[in-house]
Amino acid sequence: MPVRQQIFSLIVGITVAIFILEMVRRRKLREEYSWLWFLTALGIVVLAIWYDFLVMLSHLIGAVLPTTTLFILGLLFLLLITLQCSIKISALTDKINRLTQEVAILKAELERPGGKDSE
């Protein structure tokens, strides 16, 4: 890998890690979501420093070019982010349904004659 690309990759990886730390510190990103982003930043730095690993990984998965391997890793990253968001959305949907049902029950109890507010 040319030195310019290596330096650029290192800067990108370190910048992503610092940005994630800052987002967690400011409470704009929860710690539970930051792990995947930190792994990404670490992966960028490792691949920038150890380019031969990327070439070896490319041969291992049968890719002709290291850029193809990076593309595959990027797609895998997006898949993991999507999966993580889907799991969280499913859990939140269940919680909203339960809360809606509980509010409806409480509202019905308060509005019916002889309910809690008429005692």
PDB file of N, CA and C in Angstrom:
ATOM      1  N   MET A   1       0.848  -1.167   0.000  1.00  0.00           N
ATOM      2  CA  MET A   1       0.000   0.000   0.000  1.00  0.00           C
ATOM      3  C   MET A   1       0.898   1.237   0.000  1.00  0.00           C
ATOM      4  N   PRO A   2       0.605   2.179  -0.883  1.00  0.00           N
ATOM      5  CA  PRO A   2       1.398   3.411  -0.898  1.00  0.00           C
ATOM      6  C   PRO A   2       1.319   4.139   0.451  1.00  0.00           C
ATOM      7  N   VAL A   3       2.394   4.848   0.781  1.00  0.00           N
ATOM      8  CA  VAL A   3       2.496   5.524   2.076  1.00  0.00           C
ATOM      9  C   VAL A   3       1.362   6.539   2.263  1.00  0.00           C
ATOM     10  N   ARG A   4       0.988   7.247   1.214  1.00  0.00           N
ATOM     11  CA  ARG A   4      -0.105   8.231   1.323  1.00  0.00           C
ATOM     12  C   ARG A   4      -1.418   7.558   1.726  1.00  0.00           C
ATOM     13  N   GLN A   5      -1.713   6.439   1.104  1.00  0.00           N
ATOM     14  CA  GLN A   5      -2.938   5.714   1.444  1.00  0.00           C
ATOM     15  C   GLN A   5      -2.872   5.179   2.872  1.00  0.00           C
ATOM     16  N   GLN A   6      -1.708   4.724   3.273  1.00  0.00           N
ATOM     17  CA  GLN A   6      -1.538   4.195   4.623  1.00  0.00           C
ATOM     18  C   GLN A   6      -1.753   5.307   5.655  1.00  0.00           C
ATOM     19  N   ILE A   7      -1.176   6.462   5.428  1.00  0.00           N
ATOM     20  CA  ILE A   7      -1.343   7.588   6.340  1.00  0.00           C
ATOM     21  C   ILE A   7      -2.807   8.022   6.376  1.00  0.00           C
ATOM     22  N   PHE A   8      -3.433   8.101   5.203  1.00  0.00           N
ATOM     23  CA  PHE A   8      -4.841   8.483   5.143  1.00  0.00           C
ATOM     24  C   PHE A   8      -5.711   7.486   5.912  1.00  0.00           C
ATOM     25  N   SER A   9      -5.447   6.198   5.738  1.00  0.00           N
ATOM     26  CA  SER A   9      -6.221   5.167   6.436  1.00  0.00           C
ATOM     27  C   SER A   9      -6.039   5.255   7.948  1.00  0.00           C
ATOM     28  N   LEU A  10      -4.812   5.493   8.379  1.00  0.00           N
ATOM     29  CA  LEU A  10      -4.561   5.651   9.812  1.00  0.00           C
ATOM     30  C   LEU A  10      -5.318   6.855  10.375  1.00  0.00           C
ATOM     31  N   ILE A  11      -5.289   7.961   9.644  1.00  0.00           N
ATOM     32  CA  ILE A  11      -5.997   9.171  10.087  1.00  0.00           C
ATOM     33  C   ILE A  11      -7.494   8.898  10.169  1.00  0.00           C
ATOM     34  N   VAL A  12      -8.034   8.214   9.159  1.00  0.00           N
ATOM     35  CA  VAL A  12      -9.466   7.897   9.166  1.00  0.00           C
ATOM     36  C   VAL A  12      -9.816   7.003  10.356  1.00  0.00           C
ATOM     37  N   GLY A  13      -9.043   5.954  10.591  1.00  0.00           N
ATOM     38  CA  GLY A  13      -9.308   5.042  11.692  1.00  0.00           C
ATOM     39  C   GLY A  13      -9.240   5.723  13.051  1.00  0.00           C
ATOM     40  N   ILE A  14      -8.226   6.524  13.257  1.00  0.00           N
ATOM     41  CA  ILE A  14      -8.076   7.237  14.528  1.00  0.00           C
ATOM     42  C   ILE A  14      -9.177   8.276  14.701  1.00  0.00           C
ATOM     43  N   THR A  15      -9.533   8.963  13.614  1.00  0.00           N
ATOM     44  CA  THR A  15     -10.601   9.958  13.673  1.00  0.00           C
ATOM     45  C   THR A  15     -11.938   9.307  14.017  1.00  0.00           C
ATOM     46  N   VAL A  16     -12.229   8.161  13.418  1.00  0.00           N
ATOM     47  CA  VAL A  16     -13.471   7.450  13.736  1.00  0.00           C
ATOM     48  C   VAL A  16     -13.494   7.071  15.211  1.00  0.00           C
ATOM     49  N   ALA A  17     -12.395   6.552  15.739  1.00  0.00           N
ATOM     50  CA  ALA A  17     -12.339   6.153  17.153  1.00  0.00           C
ATOM     51  C   ALA A  17     -12.552   7.360  18.069  1.00  0.00           C
ATOM     52  N   ILE A  18     -11.904   8.473  17.774  1.00  0.00           N
ATOM     53  CA  ILE A  18     -12.067   9.681  18.590  1.00  0.00           C
ATOM     54  C   ILE A  18     -13.505  10.191  18.494  1.00  0.00           C
ATOM     55  N   PHE A  19     -14.065  10.171  17.300  1.00  0.00           N
ATOM     56  CA  PHE A  19     -15.441  10.625  17.105  1.00  0.00           C
ATOM     57  C   PHE A  19     -16.417   9.766  17.911  1.00  0.00           C
ATOM     58  N   ILE A  20     -16.215   8.458  17.906  1.00  0.00           N
ATOM     59  CA  ILE A  20     -17.088   7.554  18.659  1.00  0.00           C
ATOM     60  C   ILE A  20     -16.958   7.818  20.159  1.00  0.00           C
ATOM     61  N   LEU A  21     -15.726   7.977  20.638  1.00  0.00           N
ATOM     62  CA  LEU A  21     -15.527   8.297  22.049  1.00  0.00           C
ATOM     63  C   LEU A  21     -16.240   9.590  22.431  1.00  0.00           C
ATOM     64  N   GLU A  22     -16.138  10.585  21.595  1.00  0.00           N
ATOM     65  CA  GLU A  22     -16.784  11.872  21.861  1.00  0.00           C
ATOM     66  C   GLU A  22     -18.307  11.738  21.854  1.00  0.00           C
ATOM     67  N   MET A  23     -18.844  10.960  20.922  1.00  0.00           N
ATOM     68  CA  MET A  23     -20.291  10.761  20.872  1.00  0.00           C
ATOM     69  C   MET A  23     -20.787  10.021  22.117  1.00  0.00           C
ATOM     70  N   VAL A  24     -20.024   9.056  22.593  1.00  0.00           N
ATOM     71  CA  VAL A  24     -20.394   8.334  23.815  1.00  0.00           C
ATOM     72  C   VAL A  24     -20.290   9.278  25.018  1.00  0.00           C
ATOM     73  N   ARG A  25     -19.241  10.074  25.058  1.00  0.00           N
ATOM     74  CA  ARG A  25     -19.045  11.008  26.167  1.00  0.00           C
ATOM     75  C   ARG A  25     -20.179  12.027  26.248  1.00  0.00           C
ATOM     76  N   ARG A  26     -20.638  12.502  25.111  1.00  0.00           N
ATOM     77  CA  ARG A  26     -21.729  13.480  25.066  1.00  0.00           C
ATOM     78  C   ARG A  26     -23.110  12.838  25.176  1.00  0.00           C
ATOM     79  N   ARG A  27     -23.141  11.528  25.328  1.00  0.00           N
ATOM     80  CA  ARG A  27     -24.392  10.772  25.444  1.00  0.00           C
ATOM     81  C   ARG A  27     -25.259  10.847  24.185  1.00  0.00           C
ATOM     82  N   LYS A  28     -24.622  11.002  23.043  1.00  0.00           N
ATOM     83  CA  LYS A  28     -25.353  10.977  21.779  1.00  0.00           C
ATOM     84  C   LYS A  28     -25.344   9.574  21.182  1.00  0.00           C
ATOM     85  N   LEU A  29     -24.459   8.729  21.689  1.00  0.00           N
ATOM     86  CA  LEU A  29     -24.369   7.331  21.267  1.00  0.00           C
ATOM     87  C   LEU A  29     -24.196   6.499  22.527  1.00  0.00           C
ATOM     88  N   ARG A  30     -25.035   5.502  22.652  1.00  0.00           N
ATOM     89  CA  ARG A  30     -24.956   4.649  23.844  1.00  0.00           C
ATOM     90  C   ARG A  30     -23.788   3.676  23.716  1.00  0.00           C
ATOM     91  N   GLU A  31     -23.260   3.288  24.867  1.00  0.00           N
ATOM     92  CA  GLU A  31     -22.111   2.381  24.887  1.00  0.00           C
ATOM     93  C   GLU A  31     -22.417   1.064  24.201  1.00  0.00           C
ATOM     94  N   GLU A  32     -23.651   0.595  24.335  1.00  0.00           N
ATOM     95  CA  GLU A  32     -24.012  -0.695  23.761  1.00  0.00           C
ATOM     96  C   GLU A  32     -23.929  -0.697  22.233  1.00  0.00           C
ATOM     97  N   TYR A  33     -24.005   0.474  21.608  1.00  0.00           N
ATOM     98  CA  TYR A  33     -23.922   0.559  20.155  1.00  0.00           C
ATOM     99  C   TYR A  33     -22.515   0.908  19.673  1.00  0.00           C
ATOM    100  N   SER A  34     -21.682   1.353  20.570  1.00  0.00           N
ATOM    101  CA  SER A  34     -20.366   1.839  20.161  1.00  0.00           C
ATOM    102  C   SER A  34     -19.373   0.723  19.860  1.00  0.00           C
ATOM    103  N   TRP A  35     -19.609  -0.482  20.361  1.00  0.00           N
ATOM    104  CA  TRP A  35     -18.621  -1.550  20.199  1.00  0.00           C
ATOM    105  C   TRP A  35     -18.362  -1.883  18.734  1.00  0.00           C
ATOM    106  N   LEU A  36     -19.409  -1.904  17.926  1.00  0.00           N
ATOM    107  CA  LEU A  36     -19.232  -2.251  16.519  1.00  0.00           C
ATOM    108  C   LEU A  36     -18.460  -1.154  15.778  1.00  0.00           C
ATOM    109  N   TRP A  37     -18.720   0.088  16.163  1.00  0.00           N
ATOM    110  CA  TRP A  37     -17.994   1.199  15.542  1.00  0.00           C
ATOM    111  C   TRP A  37     -16.523   1.189  15.955  1.00  0.00           C
ATOM    112  N   PHE A  38     -16.236   0.855  17.209  1.00  0.00           N
ATOM    113  CA  PHE A  38     -14.845   0.753  17.648  1.00  0.00           C
ATOM    114  C   PHE A  38     -14.115  -0.378  16.938  1.00  0.00           C
ATOM    115  N   LEU A  39     -14.806  -1.498  16.744  1.00  0.00           N
ATOM    116  CA  LEU A  39     -14.190  -2.594  15.992  1.00  0.00           C
ATOM    117  C   LEU A  39     -13.870  -2.168  14.565  1.00  0.00           C
ATOM    118  N   THR A  40     -14.741  -1.363  13.987  1.00  0.00           N
ATOM    119  CA  THR A  40     -14.498  -0.861  12.639  1.00  0.00           C
ATOM    120  C   THR A  40     -13.266   0.033  12.604  1.00  0.00           C
ATOM    121  N   ALA A  41     -13.179   0.955  13.558  1.00  0.00           N
ATOM    122  CA  ALA A  41     -12.012   1.840  13.622  1.00  0.00           C
ATOM    123  C   ALA A  41     -10.733   1.030  13.826  1.00  0.00           C
ATOM    124  N   LEU A  42     -10.806   0.035  14.713  1.00  0.00           N
ATOM    125  CA  LEU A  42      -9.650  -0.826  14.946  1.00  0.00           C
ATOM    126  C   LEU A  42      -9.277  -1.589  13.677  1.00  0.00           C
ATOM    127  N   GLY A  43     -10.281  -2.089  12.967  1.00  0.00           N
ATOM    128  CA  GLY A  43     -10.025  -2.794  11.707  1.00  0.00           C
ATOM    129  C   GLY A  43      -9.351  -1.905  10.669  1.00  0.00           C
ATOM    130  N   ILE A  44      -9.787  -0.659  10.587  1.00  0.00           N
ATOM    131  CA  ILE A  44      -9.177   0.279   9.641  1.00  0.00           C
ATOM    132  C   ILE A  44      -7.713   0.496   9.987  1.00  0.00           C
ATOM    133  N   VAL A  45      -7.434   0.691  11.268  1.00  0.00           N
ATOM    134  CA  VAL A  45      -6.041   0.924  11.691  1.00  0.00           C
ATOM    135  C   VAL A  45      -5.191  -0.315  11.450  1.00  0.00           C
ATOM    136  N   VAL A  46      -5.715  -1.490  11.798  1.00  0.00           N
ATOM    137  CA  VAL A  46      -4.954  -2.731  11.602  1.00  0.00           C
ATOM    138  C   VAL A  46      -4.659  -2.954  10.126  1.00  0.00           C
ATOM    139  N   LEU A  47      -5.651  -2.757   9.285  1.00  0.00           N
ATOM    140  CA  LEU A  47      -5.430  -2.968   7.851  1.00  0.00           C
ATOM    141  C   LEU A  47      -4.500  -1.920   7.254  1.00  0.00           C
ATOM    142  N   ALA A  48      -4.506  -0.718   7.817  1.00  0.00           N
ATOM    143  CA  ALA A  48      -3.583   0.312   7.331  1.00  0.00           C
ATOM    144  C   ALA A  48      -2.143  -0.019   7.708  1.00  0.00           C
ATOM    145  N   ILE A  49      -1.956  -0.545   8.898  1.00  0.00           N
ATOM    146  CA  ILE A  49      -0.610  -0.878   9.357  1.00  0.00           C
ATOM    147  C   ILE A  49      -0.132  -2.194   8.750  1.00  0.00           C
ATOM    148  N   TRP A  50      -1.016  -3.152   8.673  1.00  0.00           N
ATOM    149  CA  TRP A  50      -0.659  -4.513   8.258  1.00  0.00           C
ATOM    150  C   TRP A  50      -1.381  -4.859   6.967  1.00  0.00           C
ATOM    151  N   TYR A  51      -0.978  -4.245   5.888  1.00  0.00           N
ATOM    152  CA  TYR A  51      -1.612  -4.428   4.578  1.00  0.00           C
ATOM    153  C   TYR A  51      -1.487  -5.866   4.090  1.00  0.00           C
ATOM    154  N   ASP A  52      -0.407  -6.527   4.460  1.00  0.00           N
ATOM    155  CA  ASP A  52      -0.224  -7.925   4.049  1.00  0.00           C
ATOM    156  C   ASP A  52      -1.334  -8.816   4.598  1.00  0.00           C
ATOM    157  N   PHE A  53      -1.889  -8.446   5.751  1.00  0.00           N
ATOM    158  CA  PHE A  53      -3.006  -9.202   6.313  1.00  0.00           C
ATOM    159  C   PHE A  53      -4.222  -9.108   5.389  1.00  0.00           C
ATOM    160  N   LEU A  54      -4.460  -7.923   4.838  1.00  0.00           N
ATOM    161  CA  LEU A  54      -5.567  -7.750   3.899  1.00  0.00           C
ATOM    162  C   LEU A  54      -5.348  -8.595   2.644  1.00  0.00           C
ATOM    163  N   VAL A  55      -4.119  -8.631   2.151  1.00  0.00           N
ATOM    164  CA  VAL A  55      -3.803  -9.451   0.982  1.00  0.00           C
ATOM    165  C   VAL A  55      -4.003 -10.932   1.319  1.00  0.00           C
ATOM    166  N   MET A  56      -3.544 -11.353   2.489  1.00  0.00           N
ATOM    167  CA  MET A  56      -3.710 -12.742   2.918  1.00  0.00           C
ATOM    168  C   MET A  56      -5.196 -13.082   3.081  1.00  0.00           C
ATOM    169  N   LEU A  57      -5.954 -12.169   3.667  1.00  0.00           N
ATOM    170  CA  LEU A  57      -7.392 -12.369   3.838  1.00  0.00           C
ATOM    171  C   LEU A  57      -8.088 -12.462   2.480  1.00  0.00           C
ATOM    172  N   SER A  58      -7.638 -11.669   1.523  1.00  0.00           N
ATOM    173  CA  SER A  58      -8.203 -11.722   0.177  1.00  0.00           C
ATOM    174  C   SER A  58      -7.983 -13.085  -0.462  1.00  0.00           C
ATOM    175  N   HIS A  59      -6.783 -13.608  -0.326  1.00  0.00           N
ATOM    176  CA  HIS A  59      -6.499 -14.941  -0.871  1.00  0.00           C
ATOM    177  C   HIS A  59      -7.300 -16.013  -0.140  1.00  0.00           C
ATOM    178  N   LEU A  60      -7.477 -15.827   1.173  1.00  0.00           N
ATOM    179  CA  LEU A  60      -8.202 -16.805   1.972  1.00  0.00           C
ATOM    180  C   LEU A  60      -9.670 -16.908   1.548  1.00  0.00           C
ATOM    181  N   ILE A  61     -10.296 -15.777   1.252  1.00  0.00           N
ATOM    182  CA  ILE A  61     -11.707 -15.820   0.866  1.00  0.00           C
ATOM    183  C   ILE A  61     -11.894 -15.963  -0.642  1.00  0.00           C
ATOM    184  N   GLY A  62     -10.802 -15.955  -1.381  1.00  0.00           N
ATOM    185  CA  GLY A  62     -10.885 -16.157  -2.817  1.00  0.00           C
ATOM    186  C   GLY A  62     -11.094 -14.897  -3.623  1.00  0.00           C
ATOM    187  N   ALA A  63     -10.878 -13.755  -3.004  1.00  0.00           N
ATOM    188  CA  ALA A  63     -11.016 -12.490  -3.731  1.00  0.00           C
ATOM    189  C   ALA A  63      -9.743 -12.228  -4.531  1.00  0.00           C
ATOM    190  N   VAL A  64      -9.908 -11.635  -5.700  1.00  0.00           N
ATOM    191  CA  VAL A  64      -8.760 -11.360  -6.560  1.00  0.00           C
ATOM    192  C   VAL A  64      -8.002 -10.128  -6.079  1.00  0.00           C
ATOM    193  N   LEU A  65      -8.758  -9.108  -5.675  1.00  0.00           N
ATOM    194  CA  LEU A  65      -8.143  -7.846  -5.254  1.00  0.00           C
ATOM    195  C   LEU A  65      -8.464  -7.540  -3.793  1.00  0.00           C
ATOM    196  N   PRO A  66      -7.545  -6.891  -3.097  1.00  0.00           N
ATOM    197  CA  PRO A  66      -7.816  -6.469  -1.718  1.00  0.00           C
ATOM    198  C   PRO A  66      -9.004  -5.498  -1.629  1.00  0.00           C
ATOM    199  N   THR A  67      -9.231  -4.716  -2.667  1.00  0.00           N
ATOM    200  CA  THR A  67     -10.372  -3.797  -2.641  1.00  0.00           C
ATOM    201  C   THR A  67     -11.696  -4.562  -2.597  1.00  0.00           C
ATOM    202  N   THR A  68     -11.730  -5.727  -3.230  1.00  0.00           N
ATOM    203  CA  THR A  68     -12.928  -6.570  -3.162  1.00  0.00           C
ATOM    204  C   THR A  68     -13.158  -7.037  -1.732  1.00  0.00           C
ATOM    205  N   THR A  69     -12.097  -7.397  -1.057  1.00  0.00           N
ATOM    206  CA  THR A  69     -12.203  -7.817   0.339  1.00  0.00           C
ATOM    207  C   THR A  69     -12.717  -6.669   1.201  1.00  0.00           C
ATOM    208  N   LEU A  70     -12.221  -5.464   0.967  1.00  0.00           N
ATOM    209  CA  LEU A  70     -12.706  -4.306   1.713  1.00  0.00           C
ATOM    210  C   LEU A  70     -14.194  -4.077   1.451  1.00  0.00           C
ATOM    211  N   PHE A  71     -14.606  -4.255   0.205  1.00  0.00           N
ATOM    212  CA  PHE A  71     -16.016  -4.099  -0.141  1.00  0.00           C
ATOM    213  C   PHE A  71     -16.868  -5.135   0.599  1.00  0.00           C
ATOM    214  N   ILE A  72     -16.409  -6.374   0.633  1.00  0.00           N
ATOM    215  CA  ILE A  72     -17.129  -7.437   1.335  1.00  0.00           C
ATOM    216  C   ILE A  72     -17.195  -7.137   2.831  1.00  0.00           C
ATOM    217  N   LEU A  73     -16.085  -6.682   3.400  1.00  0.00           N
ATOM    218  CA  LEU A  73     -16.075  -6.329   4.827  1.00  0.00           C
ATOM    219  C   LEU A  73     -17.026  -5.162   5.109  1.00  0.00           C
ATOM    220  N   GLY A  74     -17.083  -4.204   4.187  1.00  0.00           N
ATOM    221  CA  GLY A  74     -18.018  -3.090   4.334  1.00  0.00           C
ATOM    222  C   GLY A  74     -19.461  -3.562   4.317  1.00  0.00           C
ATOM    223  N   LEU A  75     -19.775  -4.471   3.409  1.00  0.00           N
ATOM    224  CA  LEU A  75     -21.132  -5.025   3.365  1.00  0.00           C
ATOM    225  C   LEU A  75     -21.455  -5.810   4.640  1.00  0.00           C
ATOM    226  N   LEU A  76     -20.490  -6.557   5.139  1.00  0.00           N
ATOM    227  CA  LEU A  76     -20.686  -7.294   6.378  1.00  0.00           C
ATOM    228  C   LEU A  76     -20.942  -6.331   7.540  1.00  0.00           C
ATOM    229  N   PHE A  77     -20.193  -5.245   7.572  1.00  0.00           N
ATOM    230  CA  PHE A  77     -20.392  -4.221   8.601  1.00  0.00           C
ATOM    231  C   PHE A  77     -21.808  -3.653   8.531  1.00  0.00           C
ATOM    232  N   LEU A  78     -22.257  -3.312   7.332  1.00  0.00           N
ATOM    233  CA  LEU A  78     -23.605  -2.766   7.173  1.00  0.00           C
ATOM    234  C   LEU A  78     -24.667  -3.789   7.580  1.00  0.00           C
ATOM    235  N   LEU A  79     -24.415  -5.039   7.279  1.00  0.00           N
ATOM    236  CA  LEU A  79     -25.339  -6.101   7.689  1.00  0.00           C
ATOM    237  C   LEU A  79     -25.434  -6.184   9.207  1.00  0.00           C
ATOM    238  N   LEU A  80     -24.294  -6.103   9.896  1.00  0.00           N
ATOM    239  CA  LEU A  80     -24.295  -6.170  11.358  1.00  0.00           C
ATOM    240  C   LEU A  80     -24.989  -4.955  11.976  1.00  0.00           C
ATOM    241  N   ILE A  81     -24.758  -3.780  11.417  1.00  0.00           N
ATOM    242  CA  ILE A  81     -25.427  -2.570  11.913  1.00  0.00           C
ATOM    243  C   ILE A  81     -26.933  -2.702  11.720  1.00  0.00           C
ATOM    244  N   THR A  82     -27.358  -3.172  10.557  1.00  0.00           N
ATOM    245  CA  THR A  82     -28.782  -3.346  10.279  1.00  0.00           C
ATOM    246  C   THR A  82     -29.401  -4.361  11.229  1.00  0.00           C
ATOM    247  N   LEU A  83     -28.707  -5.450  11.465  1.00  0.00           N
ATOM    248  CA  LEU A  83     -29.203  -6.474  12.387  1.00  0.00           C
ATOM    249  C   LEU A  83     -29.337  -5.916  13.801  1.00  0.00           C
ATOM    250  N   GLN A  84     -28.339  -5.188  14.249  1.00  0.00           N
ATOM    251  CA  GLN A  84     -28.380  -4.593  15.581  1.00  0.00           C
ATOM    252  C   GLN A  84     -29.556  -3.617  15.711  1.00  0.00           C
ATOM    253  N   CYS A  85     -29.769  -2.798  14.702  1.00  0.00           N
ATOM    254  CA  CYS A  85     -30.894  -1.852  14.722  1.00  0.00           C
ATOM    255  C   CYS A  85     -32.230  -2.589  14.675  1.00  0.00           C
ATOM    256  N   SER A  86     -32.325  -3.644  13.909  1.00  0.00           N
ATOM    257  CA  SER A  86     -33.568  -4.420  13.829  1.00  0.00           C
ATOM    258  C   SER A  86     -33.911  -5.063  15.165  1.00  0.00           C
ATOM    259  N   ILE A  87     -32.913  -5.579  15.848  1.00  0.00           N
ATOM    260  CA  ILE A  87     -33.138  -6.176  17.169  1.00  0.00           C
ATOM    261  C   ILE A  87     -33.643  -5.118  18.137  1.00  0.00           C
ATOM    262  N   LYS A  88     -33.019  -3.954  18.132  1.00  0.00           N
ATOM    263  CA  LYS A  88     -33.432  -2.881  19.041  1.00  0.00           C
ATOM    264  C   LYS A  88     -34.835  -2.381  18.704  1.00  0.00           C
ATOM    265  N   ILE A  89     -35.142  -2.231  17.426  1.00  0.00           N
ATOM    266  CA  ILE A  89     -36.471  -1.776  17.011  1.00  0.00           C
ATOM    267  C   ILE A  89     -37.534  -2.792  17.429  1.00  0.00           C
ATOM    268  N   SER A  90     -37.236  -4.076  17.288  1.00  0.00           N
ATOM    269  CA  SER A  90     -38.190  -5.113  17.696  1.00  0.00           C
ATOM    270  C   SER A  90     -38.471  -5.041  19.192  1.00  0.00           C
ATOM    271  N   ALA A  91     -37.426  -4.873  19.983  1.00  0.00           N
ATOM    272  CA  ALA A  91     -37.602  -4.776  21.432  1.00  0.00           C
ATOM    273  C   ALA A  91     -38.412  -3.533  21.796  1.00  0.00           C
ATOM    274  N   LEU A  92     -38.121  -2.414  21.149  1.00  0.00           N
ATOM    275  CA  LEU A  92     -38.859  -1.179  21.429  1.00  0.00           C
ATOM    276  C   LEU A  92     -40.321  -1.286  20.999  1.00  0.00           C
ATOM    277  N   THR A  93     -40.583  -1.948  19.892  1.00  0.00           N
ATOM    278  CA  THR A  93     -41.962  -2.154  19.435  1.00  0.00           C
ATOM    279  C   THR A  93     -42.741  -2.960  20.460  1.00  0.00           C
ATOM    280  N   ASP A  94     -42.139  -4.004  21.003  1.00  0.00           N
ATOM    281  CA  ASP A  94     -42.803  -4.802  22.039  1.00  0.00           C
ATOM    282  C   ASP A  94     -43.095  -3.963  23.277  1.00  0.00           C
ATOM    283  N   LYS A  95     -42.137  -3.136  23.674  1.00  0.00           N
ATOM    284  CA  LYS A  95     -42.338  -2.284  24.847  1.00  0.00           C
ATOM    285  C   LYS A  95     -43.459  -1.271  24.607  1.00  0.00           C
ATOM    286  N   ILE A  96     -43.514  -0.694  23.423  1.00  0.00           N
ATOM    287  CA  ILE A  96     -44.568   0.271  23.099  1.00  0.00           C
ATOM    288  C   ILE A  96     -45.933  -0.405  23.126  1.00  0.00           C
ATOM    289  N   ASN A  97     -46.026  -1.606  22.584  1.00  0.00           N
ATOM    290  CA  ASN A  97     -47.300  -2.344  22.614  1.00  0.00           C
ATOM    291  C   ASN A  97     -47.754  -2.608  24.046  1.00  0.00           C
ATOM    292  N   ARG A  98     -46.825  -3.052  24.894  1.00  0.00           N
ATOM    293  CA  ARG A  98     -47.179  -3.300  26.294  1.00  0.00           C
ATOM    294  C   ARG A  98     -47.628  -2.021  26.994  1.00  0.00           C
ATOM    295  N   LEU A  99     -46.888  -0.941  26.781  1.00  0.00           N
ATOM    296  CA  LEU A  99     -47.250   0.332  27.411  1.00  0.00           C
ATOM    297  C   LEU A  99     -48.606   0.831  26.929  1.00  0.00           C
ATOM    298  N   THR A 100     -48.874   0.690  25.646  1.00  0.00           N
ATOM    299  CA  THR A 100     -50.162   1.110  25.095  1.00  0.00           C
ATOM    300  C   THR A 100     -51.300   0.316  25.720  1.00  0.00           C
ATOM    301  N   GLN A 101     -51.105  -0.969  25.853  1.00  0.00           N
ATOM    302  CA  GLN A 101     -52.133  -1.814  26.463  1.00  0.00           C
ATOM    303  C   GLN A 101     -52.349  -1.449  27.932  1.00  0.00           C
ATOM    304  N   GLU A 102     -51.264  -1.211  28.657  1.00  0.00           N
ATOM    305  CA  GLU A 102     -51.395  -0.840  30.064  1.00  0.00           C
ATOM    306  C   GLU A 102     -52.103   0.498  30.225  1.00  0.00           C
ATOM    307  N   VAL A 103     -51.780   1.475  29.389  1.00  0.00           N
ATOM    308  CA  VAL A 103     -52.436   2.780  29.445  1.00  0.00           C
ATOM    309  C   VAL A 103     -53.916   2.642  29.114  1.00  0.00           C
ATOM    310  N   ALA A 104     -54.238   1.830  28.127  1.00  0.00           N
ATOM    311  CA  ALA A 104     -55.644   1.631  27.755  1.00  0.00           C
ATOM    312  C   ALA A 104     -56.422   0.990  28.903  1.00  0.00           C
ATOM    313  N   ILE A 105     -55.824   0.021  29.582  1.00  0.00           N
ATOM    314  CA  ILE A 105     -56.485  -0.628  30.714  1.00  0.00           C
ATOM    315  C   ILE A 105     -56.692   0.372  31.849  1.00  0.00           C
ATOM    316  N   LEU A 106     -55.664   1.146  32.161  1.00  0.00           N
ATOM    317  CA  LEU A 106     -55.785   2.138  33.226  1.00  0.00           C
ATOM    318  C   LEU A 106     -56.823   3.206  32.889  1.00  0.00           C
ATOM    319  N   LYS A 107     -56.838   3.625  31.649  1.00  0.00           N
ATOM    320  CA  LYS A 107     -57.811   4.627  31.216  1.00  0.00           C
ATOM    321  C   LYS A 107     -59.227   4.075  31.309  1.00  0.00           C
ATOM    322  N   ALA A 108     -59.421   2.838  30.916  1.00  0.00           N
ATOM    323  CA  ALA A 108     -60.746   2.210  30.994  1.00  0.00           C
ATOM    324  C   ALA A 108     -61.197   2.082  32.446  1.00  0.00           C
ATOM    325  N   GLU A 109     -60.274   1.743  33.337  1.00  0.00           N
ATOM    326  CA  GLU A 109     -60.619   1.641  34.760  1.00  0.00           C
ATOM    327  C   GLU A 109     -61.021   2.995  35.335  1.00  0.00           C
ATOM    328  N   LEU A 110     -60.338   4.043  34.928  1.00  0.00           N
ATOM    329  CA  LEU A 110     -60.641   5.380  35.442  1.00  0.00           C
ATOM    330  C   LEU A 110     -61.957   5.927  34.893  1.00  0.00           C
ATOM    331  N   GLU A 111     -62.316   5.565  33.691  1.00  0.00           N
ATOM    332  CA  GLU A 111     -63.507   6.120  33.049  1.00  0.00           C
ATOM    333  C   GLU A 111     -64.783   5.358  33.374  1.00  0.00           C
ATOM    334  N   ARG A 112     -64.709   4.128  33.783  1.00  0.00           N
ATOM    335  CA  ARG A 112     -65.928   3.356  34.034  1.00  0.00           C
ATOM    336  C   ARG A 112     -66.546   3.784  35.373  1.00  0.00           C
ATOM    337  N   PRO A 113     -67.851   3.698  35.457  1.00  0.00           N
ATOM    338  CA  PRO A 113     -68.510   4.045  36.718  1.00  0.00           C
ATOM    339  C   PRO A 113     -68.045   3.122  37.830  1.00  0.00           C
ATOM    340  N   GLY A 114     -67.777   3.680  38.956  1.00  0.00           N
ATOM    341  CA  GLY A 114     -67.290   2.891  40.078  1.00  0.00           C
ATOM    342  C   GLY A 114     -65.809   2.601  39.966  1.00  0.00           C
ATOM    343  N   GLY A 115     -65.133   3.315  39.059  1.00  0.00           N
ATOM    344  CA  GLY A 115     -63.692   3.125  38.887  1.00  0.00           C
ATOM    345  C   GLY A 115     -62.936   3.775  40.017  1.00  0.00           C
ATOM    346  N   LYS A 116     -61.624   3.849  39.869  1.00  0.00           N
ATOM    347  CA  LYS A 116     -60.754   4.355  40.918  1.00  0.00           C
ATOM    348  C   LYS A 116     -61.060   5.824  41.270  1.00  0.00           C
ATOM    349  N   ASP A 117     -61.441   6.643  40.284  1.00  0.00           N
ATOM    350  CA  ASP A 117     -61.639   8.064  40.565  1.00  0.00           C
ATOM    351  C   ASP A 117     -62.970   8.347  41.259  1.00  0.00           C
ATOM    352  N   SER A 118     -63.876   7.392  41.270  1.00  0.00           N
ATOM    353  CA  SER A 118     -65.180   7.619  41.889  1.00  0.00           C
ATOM    354  C   SER A 118     -65.235   7.116  43.329  1.00  0.00           C
ATOM    355  N   GLU A 119     -64.170   6.540  43.814  1.00  0.00           N
ATOM    356  CA  GLU A 119     -64.168   5.986  45.174  1.00  0.00           C
ATOM    357  C   GLU A 119     -64.001   7.029  46.214  1.00  0.00           C
TER     358      GLU A 119
END
